[in-house]
Amino acid sequence: MIMIKSDAQRDRTIVQIEGFRQALAMVEQKTPGKRHAVVRSNYESMIRQLEDDLREYQELKSGELTLPHVERLDQISSFIAKIRIAKGVSQTELARRLAVSKQVVSRYEESDYQTVAIARLQEILDAIGIKALVSLSA
């Protein structure tokens, strides 16, 4: 699943969905056959996936997010972009708060924050207003 992380990506996804719908409509006009069914199925699958991605982004933008229970620090990174979106913080605003360029935040999110050091991760969570409680056990 490719997550939509910005309004620009949302807009591109909407255009992609429309393109696949037009392609599907063209396929529907052709004579049915084995290949027709496979192509139709592929287009329908892509449309469903993109619509799911779009729906998730719209839910996040509305502030809907249930934070999961995580047991390892490396599990946090995959949720940061979702948290940012649900908190109403754009990539541009996060960059401003961190005193970096938007491209830096975009690179962080392209890798799902996997390359970010723990101290920086804490700065990012602070910047988007998330308190992380950590407990260690042996």
N, C-alpha and C. Protein backbone atom coordinates (compact mmCIF):
# COMPACT_ATOMS: atom_id res chain seq x y z
N MET A 1 0.84 -1.18 0.00
CA MET A 1 0.00 0.00 0.00
C MET A 1 0.89 1.24 0.00
N ILE A 2 0.65 2.13 -0.91
CA ILE A 2 1.36 3.39 -0.98
C ILE A 2 0.51 4.43 -0.29
N MET A 3 1.06 5.02 0.75
CA MET A 3 0.29 5.98 1.52
C MET A 3 0.37 7.37 0.90
N ILE A 4 -0.76 8.03 0.84
CA ILE A 4 -0.82 9.43 0.41
C ILE A 4 -0.39 10.28 1.60
N LYS A 5 0.61 11.16 1.37
CA LYS A 5 1.17 11.92 2.48
C LYS A 5 1.03 13.43 2.33
N SER A 6 0.42 13.88 1.23
CA SER A 6 0.26 15.32 1.04
C SER A 6 -0.95 15.59 0.15
N ASP A 7 -1.41 16.84 0.17
CA ASP A 7 -2.53 17.22 -0.70
C ASP A 7 -2.15 17.07 -2.17
N ALA A 8 -0.90 17.35 -2.51
CA ALA A 8 -0.45 17.19 -3.90
C ALA A 8 -0.54 15.73 -4.33
N GLN A 9 -0.13 14.81 -3.45
CA GLN A 9 -0.25 13.38 -3.77
C GLN A 9 -1.73 12.98 -3.86
N ARG A 10 -2.56 13.56 -2.99
CA ARG A 10 -4.01 13.29 -3.07
C ARG A 10 -4.55 13.71 -4.43
N ASP A 11 -4.17 14.90 -4.88
CA ASP A 11 -4.65 15.39 -6.17
C ASP A 11 -4.17 14.49 -7.32
N ARG A 12 -2.92 14.04 -7.26
CA ARG A 12 -2.41 13.12 -8.30
C ARG A 12 -3.16 11.79 -8.27
N THR A 13 -3.51 11.34 -7.09
CA THR A 13 -4.24 10.07 -6.95
C THR A 13 -5.63 10.20 -7.58
N ILE A 14 -6.29 11.32 -7.37
CA ILE A 14 -7.61 11.55 -7.96
C ILE A 14 -7.52 11.50 -9.49
N VAL A 15 -6.47 12.12 -10.03
CA VAL A 15 -6.26 12.09 -11.49
C VAL A 15 -5.99 10.66 -11.96
N GLN A 16 -5.20 9.91 -11.20
CA GLN A 16 -4.91 8.51 -11.55
C GLN A 16 -6.19 7.67 -11.56
N ILE A 17 -7.02 7.86 -10.56
CA ILE A 17 -8.27 7.10 -10.49
C ILE A 17 -9.11 7.39 -11.73
N GLU A 18 -9.22 8.65 -12.09
CA GLU A 18 -10.00 9.02 -13.28
C GLU A 18 -9.40 8.40 -14.53
N GLY A 19 -8.09 8.41 -14.63
CA GLY A 19 -7.42 7.79 -15.78
C GLY A 19 -7.70 6.30 -15.87
N PHE A 20 -7.64 5.61 -14.75
CA PHE A 20 -7.95 4.18 -14.75
C PHE A 20 -9.42 3.93 -15.07
N ARG A 21 -10.31 4.80 -14.59
CA ARG A 21 -11.74 4.64 -14.91
C ARG A 21 -11.98 4.82 -16.41
N GLN A 22 -11.30 5.79 -17.02
CA GLN A 22 -11.43 5.99 -18.47
C GLN A 22 -10.88 4.79 -19.23
N ALA A 23 -9.74 4.28 -18.78
CA ALA A 23 -9.16 3.10 -19.42
C ALA A 23 -10.09 1.90 -19.28
N LEU A 24 -10.69 1.76 -18.12
CA LEU A 24 -11.63 0.67 -17.88
C LEU A 24 -12.85 0.80 -18.79
N ALA A 25 -13.34 2.01 -18.95
CA ALA A 25 -14.48 2.24 -19.84
C ALA A 25 -14.13 1.84 -21.27
N MET A 26 -12.92 2.14 -21.71
CA MET A 26 -12.49 1.76 -23.06
C MET A 26 -12.41 0.25 -23.21
N VAL A 27 -11.92 -0.42 -22.16
CA VAL A 27 -11.82 -1.88 -22.18
C VAL A 27 -13.21 -2.49 -22.26
N GLU A 28 -14.16 -1.89 -21.54
CA GLU A 28 -15.53 -2.41 -21.52
C GLU A 28 -16.19 -2.36 -22.90
N GLN A 29 -15.73 -1.44 -23.75
CA GLN A 29 -16.30 -1.30 -25.08
C GLN A 29 -15.80 -2.36 -26.05
N LYS A 30 -14.73 -3.03 -25.70
CA LYS A 30 -14.14 -4.03 -26.59
C LYS A 30 -14.83 -5.37 -26.42
N THR A 31 -14.60 -6.25 -27.36
CA THR A 31 -15.19 -7.58 -27.33
C THR A 31 -14.61 -8.38 -26.16
N PRO A 32 -15.49 -8.94 -25.34
CA PRO A 32 -15.02 -9.71 -24.18
C PRO A 32 -14.21 -10.93 -24.61
N GLY A 33 -13.26 -11.27 -23.81
CA GLY A 33 -12.42 -12.44 -24.02
C GLY A 33 -11.61 -12.67 -22.76
N LYS A 34 -10.73 -13.66 -22.83
CA LYS A 34 -9.93 -14.00 -21.66
C LYS A 34 -9.02 -12.82 -21.27
N ARG A 35 -8.35 -12.23 -22.25
CA ARG A 35 -7.46 -11.10 -21.99
C ARG A 35 -8.27 -9.90 -21.46
N HIS A 36 -9.44 -9.69 -22.02
CA HIS A 36 -10.32 -8.59 -21.60
C HIS A 36 -10.62 -8.69 -20.11
N ALA A 37 -10.92 -9.88 -19.64
CA ALA A 37 -11.27 -10.08 -18.23
C ALA A 37 -10.08 -9.78 -17.32
N VAL A 38 -8.89 -10.17 -17.75
CA VAL A 38 -7.68 -9.93 -16.95
C VAL A 38 -7.38 -8.43 -16.88
N VAL A 39 -7.45 -7.76 -18.02
CA VAL A 39 -7.18 -6.32 -18.06
C VAL A 39 -8.22 -5.58 -17.22
N ARG A 40 -9.48 -5.95 -17.39
CA ARG A 40 -10.56 -5.32 -16.62
C ARG A 40 -10.32 -5.51 -15.12
N SER A 41 -9.96 -6.70 -14.72
CA SER A 41 -9.71 -7.01 -13.32
C SER A 41 -8.54 -6.19 -12.78
N ASN A 42 -7.50 -6.04 -13.58
CA ASN A 42 -6.34 -5.25 -13.16
C ASN A 42 -6.72 -3.78 -12.95
N TYR A 43 -7.47 -3.21 -13.87
CA TYR A 43 -7.91 -1.82 -13.73
C TYR A 43 -8.80 -1.66 -12.50
N GLU A 44 -9.73 -2.58 -12.31
CA GLU A 44 -10.62 -2.50 -11.15
C GLU A 44 -9.83 -2.59 -9.85
N SER A 45 -8.83 -3.45 -9.82
CA SER A 45 -7.99 -3.60 -8.64
C SER A 45 -7.21 -2.32 -8.34
N MET A 46 -6.65 -1.70 -9.37
CA MET A 46 -5.92 -0.44 -9.18
C MET A 46 -6.85 0.67 -8.68
N ILE A 47 -8.04 0.73 -9.25
CA ILE A 47 -9.01 1.75 -8.82
C ILE A 47 -9.36 1.54 -7.34
N ARG A 48 -9.62 0.30 -6.95
CA ARG A 48 -9.96 0.01 -5.55
C ARG A 48 -8.81 0.40 -4.61
N GLN A 49 -7.57 0.06 -5.00
CA GLN A 49 -6.42 0.37 -4.16
C GLN A 49 -6.25 1.88 -4.01
N LEU A 50 -6.34 2.60 -5.11
CA LEU A 50 -6.20 4.05 -5.05
C LEU A 50 -7.33 4.69 -4.26
N GLU A 51 -8.55 4.17 -4.41
CA GLU A 51 -9.67 4.70 -3.63
C GLU A 51 -9.48 4.43 -2.14
N ASP A 52 -8.94 3.25 -1.80
CA ASP A 52 -8.65 2.94 -0.40
C ASP A 52 -7.60 3.92 0.16
N ASP A 53 -6.55 4.18 -0.64
CA ASP A 53 -5.52 5.13 -0.21
C ASP A 53 -6.12 6.52 -0.01
N LEU A 54 -6.97 6.93 -0.93
CA LEU A 54 -7.62 8.24 -0.86
C LEU A 54 -8.52 8.32 0.37
N ARG A 55 -9.28 7.28 0.62
CA ARG A 55 -10.18 7.23 1.79
C ARG A 55 -9.36 7.33 3.08
N GLU A 56 -8.25 6.60 3.16
CA GLU A 56 -7.41 6.65 4.36
C GLU A 56 -6.89 8.07 4.57
N TYR A 57 -6.43 8.72 3.51
CA TYR A 57 -5.91 10.09 3.62
C TYR A 57 -7.00 11.04 4.09
N GLN A 58 -8.20 10.90 3.53
CA GLN A 58 -9.30 11.78 3.93
C GLN A 58 -9.68 11.56 5.39
N GLU A 59 -9.65 10.31 5.83
CA GLU A 59 -9.94 10.03 7.25
C GLU A 59 -8.87 10.65 8.14
N LEU A 60 -7.61 10.51 7.74
CA LEU A 60 -6.53 11.10 8.52
C LEU A 60 -6.67 12.62 8.57
N LYS A 61 -6.98 13.23 7.42
CA LYS A 61 -7.14 14.69 7.35
C LYS A 61 -8.26 15.17 8.26
N SER A 62 -9.25 14.32 8.49
CA SER A 62 -10.35 14.70 9.37
C SER A 62 -10.00 14.51 10.84
N GLY A 63 -8.78 14.02 11.10
CA GLY A 63 -8.33 13.83 12.48
C GLY A 63 -8.56 12.44 13.02
N GLU A 64 -9.04 11.54 12.18
CA GLU A 64 -9.31 10.18 12.63
C GLU A 64 -8.02 9.36 12.62
N LEU A 65 -7.59 8.95 13.79
CA LEU A 65 -6.42 8.09 13.90
C LEU A 65 -6.44 7.42 15.25
N THR A 66 -6.35 6.13 15.25
CA THR A 66 -6.21 5.39 16.48
C THR A 66 -4.75 4.97 16.58
N LEU A 67 -4.09 5.46 17.59
CA LEU A 67 -2.69 5.12 17.75
C LEU A 67 -2.57 3.68 18.24
N PRO A 68 -1.73 2.92 17.60
CA PRO A 68 -1.56 1.52 18.01
C PRO A 68 -0.65 1.41 19.23
N HIS A 69 -0.72 0.30 19.88
CA HIS A 69 0.24 0.01 20.95
C HIS A 69 1.49 -0.54 20.26
N VAL A 70 2.61 0.08 20.51
CA VAL A 70 3.85 -0.41 19.93
C VAL A 70 4.77 -0.88 21.05
N GLU A 71 5.52 -1.91 20.76
CA GLU A 71 6.41 -2.46 21.77
C GLU A 71 7.88 -2.23 21.46
N ARG A 72 8.15 -1.76 20.23
CA ARG A 72 9.53 -1.53 19.82
C ARG A 72 9.64 -0.15 19.18
N LEU A 73 10.76 0.52 19.42
CA LEU A 73 10.96 1.85 18.87
C LEU A 73 10.89 1.86 17.34
N ASP A 74 11.36 0.78 16.70
CA ASP A 74 11.36 0.76 15.23
C ASP A 74 9.95 0.60 14.65
N GLN A 75 8.96 0.40 15.48
CA GLN A 75 7.58 0.31 15.01
C GLN A 75 6.92 1.69 14.92
N ILE A 76 7.50 2.68 15.55
CA ILE A 76 6.92 4.02 15.58
C ILE A 76 6.96 4.70 14.22
N SER A 77 8.07 4.52 13.53
CA SER A 77 8.33 5.29 12.31
C SER A 77 7.23 5.18 11.26
N SER A 78 6.62 4.03 11.13
CA SER A 78 5.60 3.86 10.09
C SER A 78 4.31 4.64 10.38
N PHE A 79 4.17 5.16 11.60
CA PHE A 79 2.96 5.89 11.96
C PHE A 79 3.15 7.40 11.98
N ILE A 80 4.36 7.88 11.84
CA ILE A 80 4.61 9.31 12.00
C ILE A 80 3.88 10.14 10.95
N ALA A 81 3.94 9.75 9.69
CA ALA A 81 3.24 10.53 8.66
C ALA A 81 1.73 10.52 8.92
N LYS A 82 1.19 9.40 9.33
CA LYS A 82 -0.24 9.33 9.63
C LYS A 82 -0.59 10.26 10.79
N ILE A 83 0.25 10.25 11.81
CA ILE A 83 0.01 11.13 12.96
C ILE A 83 0.07 12.58 12.51
N ARG A 84 1.08 12.92 11.72
CA ARG A 84 1.24 14.29 11.23
C ARG A 84 0.00 14.76 10.49
N ILE A 85 -0.50 13.92 9.59
CA ILE A 85 -1.68 14.27 8.81
C ILE A 85 -2.90 14.44 9.71
N ALA A 86 -3.10 13.49 10.63
CA ALA A 86 -4.26 13.54 11.52
C ALA A 86 -4.20 14.77 12.45
N LYS A 87 -3.00 15.22 12.77
CA LYS A 87 -2.85 16.42 13.61
C LYS A 87 -2.98 17.70 12.80
N GLY A 88 -3.16 17.58 11.48
CA GLY A 88 -3.35 18.75 10.64
C GLY A 88 -2.06 19.51 10.34
N VAL A 89 -0.94 18.82 10.41
CA VAL A 89 0.36 19.45 10.16
C VAL A 89 0.84 19.03 8.77
N SER A 90 1.02 20.00 7.90
CA SER A 90 1.52 19.69 6.55
C SER A 90 3.02 19.41 6.60
N GLN A 91 3.54 18.84 5.52
CA GLN A 91 4.98 18.63 5.43
C GLN A 91 5.71 19.98 5.52
N THR A 92 5.15 20.98 4.89
CA THR A 92 5.75 22.31 4.90
C THR A 92 5.79 22.88 6.32
N GLU A 93 4.70 22.72 7.06
CA GLU A 93 4.65 23.22 8.44
C GLU A 93 5.60 22.44 9.33
N LEU A 94 5.67 21.13 9.17
CA LEU A 94 6.61 20.34 9.97
C LEU A 94 8.04 20.78 9.68
N ALA A 95 8.35 21.01 8.41
CA ALA A 95 9.68 21.48 8.03
C ALA A 95 9.99 22.81 8.72
N ARG A 96 9.02 23.70 8.73
CA ARG A 96 9.22 25.00 9.38
C ARG A 96 9.51 24.81 10.87
N ARG A 97 8.72 23.96 11.51
CA ARG A 97 8.90 23.72 12.95
C ARG A 97 10.25 23.09 13.26
N LEU A 98 10.77 22.29 12.34
CA LEU A 98 12.06 21.63 12.54
C LEU A 98 13.23 22.45 12.00
N ALA A 99 12.91 23.57 11.35
CA ALA A 99 13.93 24.44 10.73
C ALA A 99 14.73 23.69 9.66
N VAL A 100 14.00 22.94 8.83
CA VAL A 100 14.60 22.26 7.69
C VAL A 100 13.74 22.55 6.46
N SER A 101 14.19 22.12 5.30
CA SER A 101 13.40 22.33 4.09
C SER A 101 12.29 21.27 4.00
N LYS A 102 11.27 21.57 3.22
CA LYS A 102 10.19 20.62 3.00
C LYS A 102 10.74 19.35 2.36
N GLN A 103 11.78 19.48 1.53
CA GLN A 103 12.38 18.32 0.87
C GLN A 103 12.97 17.35 1.90
N VAL A 104 13.49 17.87 3.00
CA VAL A 104 14.03 17.00 4.05
C VAL A 104 12.89 16.17 4.65
N VAL A 105 11.78 16.82 4.96
CA VAL A 105 10.64 16.10 5.52
C VAL A 105 10.11 15.09 4.50
N SER A 106 10.06 15.48 3.25
CA SER A 106 9.61 14.57 2.20
C SER A 106 10.51 13.34 2.12
N ARG A 107 11.82 13.54 2.23
CA ARG A 107 12.76 12.40 2.22
C ARG A 107 12.55 11.51 3.44
N TYR A 108 12.34 12.13 4.60
CA TYR A 108 12.04 11.34 5.80
C TYR A 108 10.84 10.42 5.55
N GLU A 109 9.80 11.01 4.96
CA GLU A 109 8.56 10.26 4.77
C GLU A 109 8.66 9.24 3.64
N GLU A 110 9.49 9.50 2.65
CA GLU A 110 9.69 8.50 1.59
C GLU A 110 10.24 7.21 2.16
N SER A 111 11.06 7.32 3.22
CA SER A 111 11.63 6.13 3.86
C SER A 111 10.86 5.75 5.12
N ASP A 112 9.67 6.32 5.31
CA ASP A 112 8.87 6.10 6.52
C ASP A 112 9.69 6.35 7.78
N TYR A 113 10.55 7.36 7.74
CA TYR A 113 11.35 7.79 8.87
C TYR A 113 12.33 6.72 9.36
N GLN A 114 12.59 5.70 8.55
CA GLN A 114 13.49 4.61 8.94
C GLN A 114 14.94 5.07 9.09
N THR A 115 15.31 6.16 8.44
CA THR A 115 16.70 6.62 8.48
C THR A 115 16.93 7.73 9.50
N VAL A 116 15.92 8.05 10.27
CA VAL A 116 15.99 9.16 11.22
C VAL A 116 16.50 8.65 12.57
N ALA A 117 17.46 9.37 13.14
CA ALA A 117 18.00 9.01 14.46
C ALA A 117 16.94 9.20 15.53
N ILE A 118 17.09 8.50 16.63
CA ILE A 118 16.11 8.54 17.72
C ILE A 118 15.92 9.97 18.25
N ALA A 119 17.01 10.70 18.42
CA ALA A 119 16.89 12.07 18.94
C ALA A 119 16.07 12.92 17.97
N ARG A 120 16.29 12.76 16.67
CA ARG A 120 15.54 13.51 15.67
C ARG A 120 14.08 13.07 15.67
N LEU A 121 13.86 11.78 15.84
CA LEU A 121 12.51 11.24 15.90
C LEU A 121 11.74 11.91 17.05
N GLN A 122 12.40 12.08 18.19
CA GLN A 122 11.77 12.75 19.31
C GLN A 122 11.44 14.20 18.98
N GLU A 123 12.35 14.88 18.27
CA GLU A 123 12.10 16.26 17.85
C GLU A 123 10.88 16.33 16.93
N ILE A 124 10.76 15.37 16.05
CA ILE A 124 9.64 15.33 15.11
C ILE A 124 8.33 15.11 15.87
N LEU A 125 8.32 14.15 16.79
CA LEU A 125 7.12 13.90 17.60
C LEU A 125 6.75 15.14 18.40
N ASP A 126 7.74 15.80 18.98
CA ASP A 126 7.48 17.04 19.71
C ASP A 126 6.87 18.10 18.79
N ALA A 127 7.41 18.21 17.58
CA ALA A 127 6.95 19.22 16.63
C ALA A 127 5.50 19.00 16.18
N ILE A 128 5.06 17.75 16.18
CA ILE A 128 3.66 17.49 15.78
C ILE A 128 2.74 17.30 16.98
N GLY A 129 3.29 17.46 18.18
CA GLY A 129 2.46 17.45 19.38
C GLY A 129 2.12 16.07 19.89
N ILE A 130 3.03 15.14 19.74
CA ILE A 130 2.79 13.77 20.23
C ILE A 130 3.76 13.47 21.36
N LYS A 131 3.21 12.98 22.45
CA LYS A 131 4.03 12.59 23.58
C LYS A 131 4.24 11.08 23.51
N ALA A 132 5.49 10.69 23.54
CA ALA A 132 5.82 9.27 23.52
C ALA A 132 6.23 8.83 24.91
N LEU A 133 5.60 7.79 25.40
CA LEU A 133 5.96 7.23 26.70
C LEU A 133 6.74 5.94 26.43
N VAL A 134 7.92 5.86 26.97
CA VAL A 134 8.77 4.71 26.72
C VAL A 134 9.03 4.02 28.05
N SER A 135 8.91 2.71 28.05
CA SER A 135 9.27 1.95 29.24
C SER A 135 10.19 0.83 28.81
N LEU A 136 11.16 0.56 29.61
CA LEU A 136 12.11 -0.49 29.32
C LEU A 136 11.90 -1.62 30.32
N SER A 137 12.09 -2.83 29.86
CA SER A 137 11.98 -3.96 30.78
C SER A 137 13.04 -4.98 30.40
N ALA A 138 13.47 -5.71 31.40
CA ALA A 138 14.51 -6.72 31.16
C ALA A 138 13.92 -8.09 31.26
